[in-house]
Full PDB file with SEQRES, HELIX, SHEET, SSBOND, CRYST1, ORIGX, SCALE, CONECT and MASTER records, all heavy atoms in Angstrom:
SEQRES   1 A   32  GLY GLY ALA ILE LEU ASP LEU GLY VAL TYR ALA LEU ALA          
SEQRES   2 A   32  PHE VAL ARG GLN PHE LEU ASN SER SER PRO ASP ILE VAL          
SEQRES   3 A   32  LYS SER ALA ALA VAL LEU                                      
HELIX    1 AA1 ALA A    3  ALA A    3  1                                   1    
HELIX    2 AA2 ILE A    4  GLY A    8  3                                   5    
HELIX    3 AA3 VAL A    9  PHE A   18  1                                  10    
CRYST1    1.000    1.000    1.000  90.00  90.00  90.00 P 1           1          
ORIGX1      1.000000  0.000000  0.000000        0.00000                         
ORIGX2      0.000000  1.000000  0.000000        0.00000                         
ORIGX3      0.000000  0.000000  1.000000        0.00000                         
SCALE1      1.000000  0.000000  0.000000        0.00000                         
SCALE2      0.000000  1.000000  0.000000        0.00000                         
SCALE3      0.000000  0.000000  1.000000        0.00000                         
ATOM      1  N   GLY A   1     -46.341 -71.428 -31.437  1.00  0.00           N  
ATOM      2  CA  GLY A   1     -47.482 -70.524 -31.087  1.00  0.00           C  
ATOM      3  C   GLY A   1     -47.651 -70.329 -29.640  1.00  0.00           C  
ATOM      4  O   GLY A   1     -46.836 -70.805 -28.849  1.00  0.00           O  
ATOM      5  N   GLY A   2     -48.704 -69.625 -29.258  1.00  0.00           N  
ATOM      6  CA  GLY A   2     -48.974 -69.417 -27.857  1.00  0.00           C  
ATOM      7  C   GLY A   2     -49.133 -67.943 -27.538  1.00  0.00           C  
ATOM      8  O   GLY A   2     -48.514 -67.099 -28.314  1.00  0.00           O  
ATOM      9  N   ALA A   3     -49.863 -67.594 -26.490  1.00  0.00           N  
ATOM     10  CA  ALA A   3     -50.047 -66.277 -26.107  1.00  0.00           C  
ATOM     11  C   ALA A   3     -48.829 -65.437 -25.768  1.00  0.00           C  
ATOM     12  O   ALA A   3     -48.570 -64.322 -25.982  1.00  0.00           O  
ATOM     13  CB  ALA A   3     -51.138 -66.082 -25.083  1.00  0.00           C  
ATOM     14  N   ILE A   4     -47.934 -66.111 -25.003  1.00  0.00           N  
ATOM     15  CA  ILE A   4     -46.810 -65.493 -24.456  1.00  0.00           C  
ATOM     16  C   ILE A   4     -45.843 -64.976 -25.534  1.00  0.00           C  
ATOM     17  O   ILE A   4     -45.292 -63.814 -25.388  1.00  0.00           O  
ATOM     18  CB  ILE A   4     -45.990 -66.395 -23.397  1.00  0.00           C  
ATOM     19  CG1 ILE A   4     -45.033 -65.563 -22.569  1.00  0.00           C  
ATOM     20  CG2 ILE A   4     -45.273 -67.595 -24.125  1.00  0.00           C  
ATOM     21  CD1 ILE A   4     -45.700 -64.637 -21.594  1.00  0.00           C  
ATOM     22  N   LEU A   5     -45.566 -65.714 -26.577  1.00  0.00           N  
ATOM     23  CA  LEU A   5     -44.644 -65.228 -27.608  1.00  0.00           C  
ATOM     24  C   LEU A   5     -45.315 -64.236 -28.470  1.00  0.00           C  
ATOM     25  O   LEU A   5     -44.564 -63.393 -29.173  1.00  0.00           O  
ATOM     26  CB  LEU A   5     -44.032 -66.448 -28.374  1.00  0.00           C  
ATOM     27  CG  LEU A   5     -43.023 -67.364 -27.653  1.00  0.00           C  
ATOM     28  CD1 LEU A   5     -42.384 -68.235 -28.690  1.00  0.00           C  
ATOM     29  CD2 LEU A   5     -42.026 -66.497 -26.947  1.00  0.00           C  
ATOM     30  N   ASP A   6     -46.588 -64.394 -28.646  1.00  0.00           N  
ATOM     31  CA  ASP A   6     -47.293 -63.493 -29.647  1.00  0.00           C  
ATOM     32  C   ASP A   6     -47.778 -62.129 -28.998  1.00  0.00           C  
ATOM     33  O   ASP A   6     -47.683 -61.062 -29.624  1.00  0.00           O  
ATOM     34  CB  ASP A   6     -48.431 -64.192 -30.350  1.00  0.00           C  
ATOM     35  CG  ASP A   6     -47.990 -64.672 -31.684  1.00  0.00           C  
ATOM     36  OD1 ASP A   6     -47.744 -63.822 -32.634  1.00  0.00           O  
ATOM     37  OD2 ASP A   6     -47.819 -65.921 -31.867  1.00  0.00           O  
ATOM     38  N   LEU A   7     -48.339 -62.224 -27.797  1.00  0.00           N  
ATOM     39  CA  LEU A   7     -48.930 -61.085 -27.164  1.00  0.00           C  
ATOM     40  C   LEU A   7     -48.035 -60.715 -25.965  1.00  0.00           C  
ATOM     41  O   LEU A   7     -47.834 -59.483 -25.652  1.00  0.00           O  
ATOM     42  CB  LEU A   7     -50.446 -61.438 -26.666  1.00  0.00           C  
ATOM     43  CG  LEU A   7     -51.245 -62.033 -27.700  1.00  0.00           C  
ATOM     44  CD1 LEU A   7     -52.686 -62.198 -27.049  1.00  0.00           C  
ATOM     45  CD2 LEU A   7     -51.419 -61.196 -28.873  1.00  0.00           C  
ATOM     46  N   GLY A   8     -47.718 -61.704 -25.184  1.00  0.00           N  
ATOM     47  CA  GLY A   8     -46.932 -61.378 -23.864  1.00  0.00           C  
ATOM     48  C   GLY A   8     -45.677 -60.682 -24.016  1.00  0.00           C  
ATOM     49  O   GLY A   8     -45.245 -59.832 -23.239  1.00  0.00           O  
ATOM     50  N   VAL A   9     -45.032 -60.874 -25.232  1.00  0.00           N  
ATOM     51  CA  VAL A   9     -43.721 -60.178 -25.516  1.00  0.00           C  
ATOM     52  C   VAL A   9     -44.012 -58.678 -25.529  1.00  0.00           C  
ATOM     53  O   VAL A   9     -43.152 -57.883 -25.112  1.00  0.00           O  
ATOM     54  CB  VAL A   9     -43.088 -60.793 -26.765  1.00  0.00           C  
ATOM     55  CG1 VAL A   9     -44.019 -60.439 -28.059  1.00  0.00           C  
ATOM     56  CG2 VAL A   9     -41.677 -60.206 -26.994  1.00  0.00           C  
ATOM     57  N   TYR A  10     -45.138 -58.258 -26.088  1.00  0.00           N  
ATOM     58  CA  TYR A  10     -45.489 -56.792 -26.134  1.00  0.00           C  
ATOM     59  C   TYR A  10     -45.782 -56.327 -24.751  1.00  0.00           C  
ATOM     60  O   TYR A  10     -45.234 -55.300 -24.184  1.00  0.00           O  
ATOM     61  CB  TYR A  10     -46.762 -56.584 -26.981  1.00  0.00           C  
ATOM     62  CG  TYR A  10     -46.568 -56.647 -28.413  1.00  0.00           C  
ATOM     63  CD1 TYR A  10     -47.078 -57.683 -29.221  1.00  0.00           C  
ATOM     64  CD2 TYR A  10     -45.841 -55.678 -29.165  1.00  0.00           C  
ATOM     65  CE1 TYR A  10     -46.916 -57.683 -30.612  1.00  0.00           C  
ATOM     66  CE2 TYR A  10     -45.650 -55.621 -30.529  1.00  0.00           C  
ATOM     67  CZ  TYR A  10     -46.209 -56.723 -31.256  1.00  0.00           C  
ATOM     68  OH  TYR A  10     -46.071 -56.794 -32.661  1.00  0.00           O  
ATOM     69  N   ALA A  11     -46.559 -57.066 -24.020  1.00  0.00           N  
ATOM     70  CA  ALA A  11     -47.002 -56.589 -22.606  1.00  0.00           C  
ATOM     71  C   ALA A  11     -45.730 -56.581 -21.747  1.00  0.00           C  
ATOM     72  O   ALA A  11     -45.593 -55.602 -20.941  1.00  0.00           O  
ATOM     73  CB  ALA A  11     -47.964 -57.539 -22.114  1.00  0.00           C  
ATOM     74  N   LEU A  12     -44.955 -57.525 -21.843  1.00  0.00           N  
ATOM     75  CA  LEU A  12     -43.672 -57.529 -20.923  1.00  0.00           C  
ATOM     76  C   LEU A  12     -42.731 -56.471 -21.359  1.00  0.00           C  
ATOM     77  O   LEU A  12     -42.084 -55.795 -20.511  1.00  0.00           O  
ATOM     78  CB  LEU A  12     -43.014 -58.910 -21.028  1.00  0.00           C  
ATOM     79  CG  LEU A  12     -43.740 -60.012 -20.232  1.00  0.00           C  
ATOM     80  CD1 LEU A  12     -43.259 -61.398 -20.634  1.00  0.00           C  
ATOM     81  CD2 LEU A  12     -43.551 -59.842 -18.816  1.00  0.00           C  
ATOM     82  N   ALA A  13     -42.694 -56.110 -22.595  1.00  0.00           N  
ATOM     83  CA  ALA A  13     -41.838 -55.010 -23.038  1.00  0.00           C  
ATOM     84  C   ALA A  13     -42.384 -53.697 -22.606  1.00  0.00           C  
ATOM     85  O   ALA A  13     -41.491 -52.840 -22.111  1.00  0.00           O  
ATOM     86  CB  ALA A  13     -41.691 -55.029 -24.637  1.00  0.00           C  
ATOM     87  N   PHE A  14     -43.620 -53.664 -22.608  1.00  0.00           N  
ATOM     88  CA  PHE A  14     -44.293 -52.335 -22.009  1.00  0.00           C  
ATOM     89  C   PHE A  14     -43.938 -52.160 -20.531  1.00  0.00           C  
ATOM     90  O   PHE A  14     -43.455 -51.160 -20.124  1.00  0.00           O  
ATOM     91  CB  PHE A  14     -45.742 -52.449 -22.187  1.00  0.00           C  
ATOM     92  CG  PHE A  14     -46.547 -51.295 -21.661  1.00  0.00           C  
ATOM     93  CD1 PHE A  14     -46.788 -50.134 -22.396  1.00  0.00           C  
ATOM     94  CD2 PHE A  14     -47.040 -51.317 -20.378  1.00  0.00           C  
ATOM     95  CE1 PHE A  14     -47.493 -49.092 -21.888  1.00  0.00           C  
ATOM     96  CE2 PHE A  14     -47.757 -50.277 -19.859  1.00  0.00           C  
ATOM     97  CZ  PHE A  14     -48.013 -49.173 -20.638  1.00  0.00           C  
ATOM     98  N   VAL A  15     -44.093 -53.300 -19.842  1.00  0.00           N  
ATOM     99  CA  VAL A  15     -43.762 -53.227 -18.389  1.00  0.00           C  
ATOM    100  C   VAL A  15     -42.333 -52.982 -18.081  1.00  0.00           C  
ATOM    101  O   VAL A  15     -42.032 -52.082 -17.335  1.00  0.00           O  
ATOM    102  CB  VAL A  15     -44.245 -54.583 -17.719  1.00  0.00           C  
ATOM    103  CG1 VAL A  15     -43.580 -54.787 -16.339  1.00  0.00           C  
ATOM    104  CG2 VAL A  15     -45.802 -54.736 -17.680  1.00  0.00           C  
ATOM    105  N   ARG A  16     -41.411 -53.667 -18.785  1.00  0.00           N  
ATOM    106  CA  ARG A  16     -39.972 -53.678 -18.551  1.00  0.00           C  
ATOM    107  C   ARG A  16     -39.506 -52.145 -18.672  1.00  0.00           C  
ATOM    108  O   ARG A  16     -38.685 -51.646 -17.886  1.00  0.00           O  
ATOM    109  CB  ARG A  16     -39.269 -54.540 -19.380  1.00  0.00           C  
ATOM    110  CG  ARG A  16     -37.695 -54.536 -19.168  1.00  0.00           C  
ATOM    111  CD  ARG A  16     -37.347 -54.867 -17.740  1.00  0.00           C  
ATOM    112  NE  ARG A  16     -35.975 -54.544 -17.401  1.00  0.00           N  
ATOM    113  CZ  ARG A  16     -35.503 -53.487 -16.912  1.00  0.00           C  
ATOM    114  NH1 ARG A  16     -36.371 -52.478 -16.663  1.00  0.00           N  
ATOM    115  NH2 ARG A  16     -34.246 -53.280 -16.646  1.00  0.00           N  
ATOM    116  N   GLN A  17     -39.974 -51.436 -19.726  1.00  0.00           N  
ATOM    117  CA  GLN A  17     -39.340 -50.111 -19.967  1.00  0.00           C  
ATOM    118  C   GLN A  17     -39.743 -49.124 -18.978  1.00  0.00           C  
ATOM    119  O   GLN A  17     -39.080 -48.114 -18.817  1.00  0.00           O  
ATOM    120  CB  GLN A  17     -39.845 -49.682 -21.418  1.00  0.00           C  
ATOM    121  CG  GLN A  17     -41.277 -49.299 -21.510  1.00  0.00           C  
ATOM    122  CD  GLN A  17     -41.531 -48.805 -22.945  1.00  0.00           C  
ATOM    123  OE1 GLN A  17     -40.771 -48.437 -23.693  1.00  0.00           O  
ATOM    124  NE2 GLN A  17     -42.882 -48.722 -23.297  1.00  0.00           N  
ATOM    125  N   PHE A  18     -40.840 -49.331 -18.155  1.00  0.00           N  
ATOM    126  CA  PHE A  18     -41.205 -48.499 -17.164  1.00  0.00           C  
ATOM    127  C   PHE A  18     -40.640 -48.754 -15.765  1.00  0.00           C  
ATOM    128  O   PHE A  18     -40.776 -47.980 -14.770  1.00  0.00           O  
ATOM    129  CB  PHE A  18     -42.774 -48.326 -17.086  1.00  0.00           C  
ATOM    130  CG  PHE A  18     -43.329 -47.562 -18.176  1.00  0.00           C  
ATOM    131  CD1 PHE A  18     -44.083 -48.141 -19.182  1.00  0.00           C  
ATOM    132  CD2 PHE A  18     -43.285 -46.181 -18.220  1.00  0.00           C  
ATOM    133  CE1 PHE A  18     -44.635 -47.481 -20.185  1.00  0.00           C  
ATOM    134  CE2 PHE A  18     -43.865 -45.465 -19.245  1.00  0.00           C  
ATOM    135  CZ  PHE A  18     -44.522 -46.036 -20.209  1.00  0.00           C  
ATOM    136  N   LEU A  19     -40.091 -49.933 -15.584  1.00  0.00           N  
ATOM    137  CA  LEU A  19     -39.510 -50.360 -14.348  1.00  0.00           C  
ATOM    138  C   LEU A  19     -38.052 -49.931 -14.191  1.00  0.00           C  
ATOM    139  O   LEU A  19     -37.227 -49.896 -15.097  1.00  0.00           O  
ATOM    140  CB  LEU A  19     -39.557 -51.941 -14.248  1.00  0.00           C  
ATOM    141  CG  LEU A  19     -41.027 -52.512 -14.119  1.00  0.00           C  
ATOM    142  CD1 LEU A  19     -40.857 -54.022 -14.109  1.00  0.00           C  
ATOM    143  CD2 LEU A  19     -41.793 -51.950 -13.007  1.00  0.00           C  
ATOM    144  N   ASN A  20     -37.644 -49.698 -12.888  1.00  0.00           N  
ATOM    145  CA  ASN A  20     -36.244 -49.385 -12.654  1.00  0.00           C  
ATOM    146  C   ASN A  20     -35.272 -50.516 -12.853  1.00  0.00           C  
ATOM    147  O   ASN A  20     -34.142 -50.372 -13.196  1.00  0.00           O  
ATOM    148  CB  ASN A  20     -36.091 -48.907 -11.224  1.00  0.00           C  
ATOM    149  CG  ASN A  20     -36.835 -47.587 -10.963  1.00  0.00           C  
ATOM    150  OD1 ASN A  20     -37.211 -46.897 -11.801  1.00  0.00           O  
ATOM    151  ND2 ASN A  20     -37.128 -47.323  -9.710  1.00  0.00           N  
ATOM    152  N   SER A  21     -35.793 -51.758 -12.680  1.00  0.00           N  
ATOM    153  CA  SER A  21     -34.975 -53.028 -12.857  1.00  0.00           C  
ATOM    154  C   SER A  21     -35.895 -54.108 -13.287  1.00  0.00           C  
ATOM    155  O   SER A  21     -37.176 -54.034 -13.112  1.00  0.00           O  
ATOM    156  CB  SER A  21     -34.261 -53.352 -11.580  1.00  0.00           C  
ATOM    157  OG  SER A  21     -35.198 -53.504 -10.502  1.00  0.00           O  
ATOM    158  N   SER A  22     -35.349 -55.197 -13.719  1.00  0.00           N  
ATOM    159  CA  SER A  22     -36.083 -56.357 -14.157  1.00  0.00           C  
ATOM    160  C   SER A  22     -36.729 -57.116 -13.031  1.00  0.00           C  
ATOM    161  O   SER A  22     -36.102 -57.148 -11.915  1.00  0.00           O  
ATOM    162  CB  SER A  22     -35.209 -57.307 -14.943  1.00  0.00           C  
ATOM    163  OG  SER A  22     -35.946 -58.369 -15.534  1.00  0.00           O  
ATOM    164  N   PRO A  23     -37.966 -57.492 -13.133  1.00  0.00           N  
ATOM    165  CA  PRO A  23     -38.630 -58.297 -12.151  1.00  0.00           C  
ATOM    166  C   PRO A  23     -37.862 -59.574 -11.752  1.00  0.00           C  
ATOM    167  O   PRO A  23     -37.352 -60.275 -12.679  1.00  0.00           O  
ATOM    168  CB  PRO A  23     -39.979 -58.616 -12.707  1.00  0.00           C  
ATOM    169  CG  PRO A  23     -40.217 -57.666 -13.797  1.00  0.00           C  
ATOM    170  CD  PRO A  23     -38.799 -57.334 -14.371  1.00  0.00           C  
ATOM    171  N   ASP A  24     -37.687 -59.826 -10.461  1.00  0.00           N  
ATOM    172  CA  ASP A  24     -37.165 -61.091  -9.992  1.00  0.00           C  
ATOM    173  C   ASP A  24     -38.165 -61.996  -9.392  1.00  0.00           C  
ATOM    174  O   ASP A  24     -37.927 -63.226  -9.150  1.00  0.00           O  
ATOM    175  CB  ASP A  24     -36.021 -60.866  -8.948  1.00  0.00           C  
ATOM    176  CG  ASP A  24     -36.354 -59.917  -7.831  1.00  0.00           C  
ATOM    177  OD1 ASP A  24     -37.521 -59.495  -7.827  1.00  0.00           O  
ATOM    178  OD2 ASP A  24     -35.449 -59.567  -7.093  1.00  0.00           O  
ATOM    179  N   ILE A  25     -39.287 -61.520  -9.044  1.00  0.00           N  
ATOM    180  CA  ILE A  25     -40.457 -62.330  -8.582  1.00  0.00           C  
ATOM    181  C   ILE A  25     -41.469 -62.310  -9.703  1.00  0.00           C  
ATOM    182  O   ILE A  25     -42.003 -61.375 -10.208  1.00  0.00           O  
ATOM    183  CB  ILE A  25     -41.117 -61.723  -7.264  1.00  0.00           C  
ATOM    184  CG1 ILE A  25     -40.005 -61.789  -6.147  1.00  0.00           C  
ATOM    185  CG2 ILE A  25     -42.332 -62.528  -6.932  1.00  0.00           C  
ATOM    186  CD1 ILE A  25     -40.554 -61.096  -4.982  1.00  0.00           C  
ATOM    187  N   VAL A  26     -41.827 -63.630 -10.110  1.00  0.00           N  
ATOM    188  CA  VAL A  26     -42.689 -63.790 -11.290  1.00  0.00           C  
ATOM    189  C   VAL A  26     -43.645 -64.907 -10.902  1.00  0.00           C  
ATOM    190  O   VAL A  26     -43.210 -66.084 -10.683  1.00  0.00           O  
ATOM    191  CB  VAL A  26     -41.939 -64.152 -12.587  1.00  0.00           C  
ATOM    192  CG1 VAL A  26     -43.004 -64.338 -13.791  1.00  0.00           C  
ATOM    193  CG2 VAL A  26     -40.952 -63.017 -12.949  1.00  0.00           C  
ATOM    194  N   LYS A  27     -44.948 -64.645 -10.843  1.00  0.00           N  
ATOM    195  CA  LYS A  27     -45.967 -65.648 -10.573  1.00  0.00           C  
ATOM    196  C   LYS A  27     -46.983 -65.584 -11.622  1.00  0.00           C  
ATOM    197  O   LYS A  27     -47.319 -64.606 -12.315  1.00  0.00           O  
ATOM    198  CB  LYS A  27     -46.653 -65.295  -9.216  1.00  0.00           C  
ATOM    199  CG  LYS A  27     -45.723 -65.190  -8.015  1.00  0.00           C  
ATOM    200  CD  LYS A  27     -45.123 -66.495  -7.705  1.00  0.00           C  
ATOM    201  CE  LYS A  27     -44.268 -66.311  -6.346  1.00  0.00           C  
ATOM    202  NZ  LYS A  27     -43.629 -67.669  -6.025  1.00  0.00           N  
ATOM    203  N   SER A  28     -47.555 -66.755 -11.986  1.00  0.00           N  
ATOM    204  CA  SER A  28     -48.580 -66.812 -12.987  1.00  0.00           C  
ATOM    205  C   SER A  28     -49.544 -68.076 -12.925  1.00  0.00           C  
ATOM    206  O   SER A  28     -49.314 -68.976 -12.050  1.00  0.00           O  
ATOM    207  CB  SER A  28     -47.787 -67.054 -14.382  1.00  0.00           C  
ATOM    208  OG  SER A  28     -47.218 -68.404 -14.489  1.00  0.00           O  
ATOM    209  N   ALA A  29     -50.619 -67.910 -13.692  1.00  0.00           N  
ATOM    210  CA  ALA A  29     -51.531 -69.009 -13.818  1.00  0.00           C  
ATOM    211  C   ALA A  29     -51.833 -69.082 -15.346  1.00  0.00           C  
ATOM    212  O   ALA A  29     -52.249 -67.930 -15.940  1.00  0.00           O  
ATOM    213  CB  ALA A  29     -52.883 -68.770 -13.010  1.00  0.00           C  
ATOM    214  N   ALA A  30     -51.776 -70.241 -15.901  1.00  0.00           N  
ATOM    215  CA  ALA A  30     -51.964 -70.335 -17.449  1.00  0.00           C  
ATOM    216  C   ALA A  30     -52.913 -71.360 -17.777  1.00  0.00           C  
ATOM    217  O   ALA A  30     -53.082 -72.430 -17.065  1.00  0.00           O  
ATOM    218  CB  ALA A  30     -50.584 -70.585 -18.081  1.00  0.00           C  
ATOM    219  N   VAL A  31     -53.699 -71.107 -18.898  1.00  0.00           N  
ATOM    220  CA  VAL A  31     -54.552 -72.059 -19.449  1.00  0.00           C  
ATOM    221  C   VAL A  31     -53.852 -72.576 -20.768  1.00  0.00           C  
ATOM    222  O   VAL A  31     -53.543 -71.814 -21.589  1.00  0.00           O  
ATOM    223  CB  VAL A  31     -55.906 -71.525 -19.815  1.00  0.00           C  
ATOM    224  CG1 VAL A  31     -56.849 -72.533 -20.515  1.00  0.00           C  
ATOM    225  CG2 VAL A  31     -56.613 -71.000 -18.552  1.00  0.00           C  
ATOM    226  N   LEU A  32     -53.714 -73.873 -20.904  1.00  0.00           N  
ATOM    227  CA  LEU A  32     -53.083 -74.468 -22.060  1.00  0.00           C  
ATOM    228  C   LEU A  32     -54.098 -74.905 -23.138  1.00  0.00           C  
ATOM    229  O   LEU A  32     -55.102 -75.522 -22.745  1.00  0.00           O  
ATOM    230  CB  LEU A  32     -52.136 -75.603 -21.728  1.00  0.00           C  
ATOM    231  CG  LEU A  32     -50.943 -75.348 -20.738  1.00  0.00           C  
ATOM    232  CD1 LEU A  32     -50.056 -76.521 -20.675  1.00  0.00           C  
ATOM    233  CD2 LEU A  32     -50.263 -73.953 -21.145  1.00  0.00           C  
TER     234      LEU A  32                                                      
MASTER        0    0    0    3    0    0    0    6  233    1    0    3          
END                                                                             
C-alpha cells in the first residue's frame, strides 16, 4: 500500500509525458 504506488504513479505518469526528459532532481517530504 501507500500513496505513491496508488496515486503517485498516475501523477508522475502525467508529469513525465509532458516533459522533454525524465527528472534527475527529485525532492520530497512524506508523512508515513
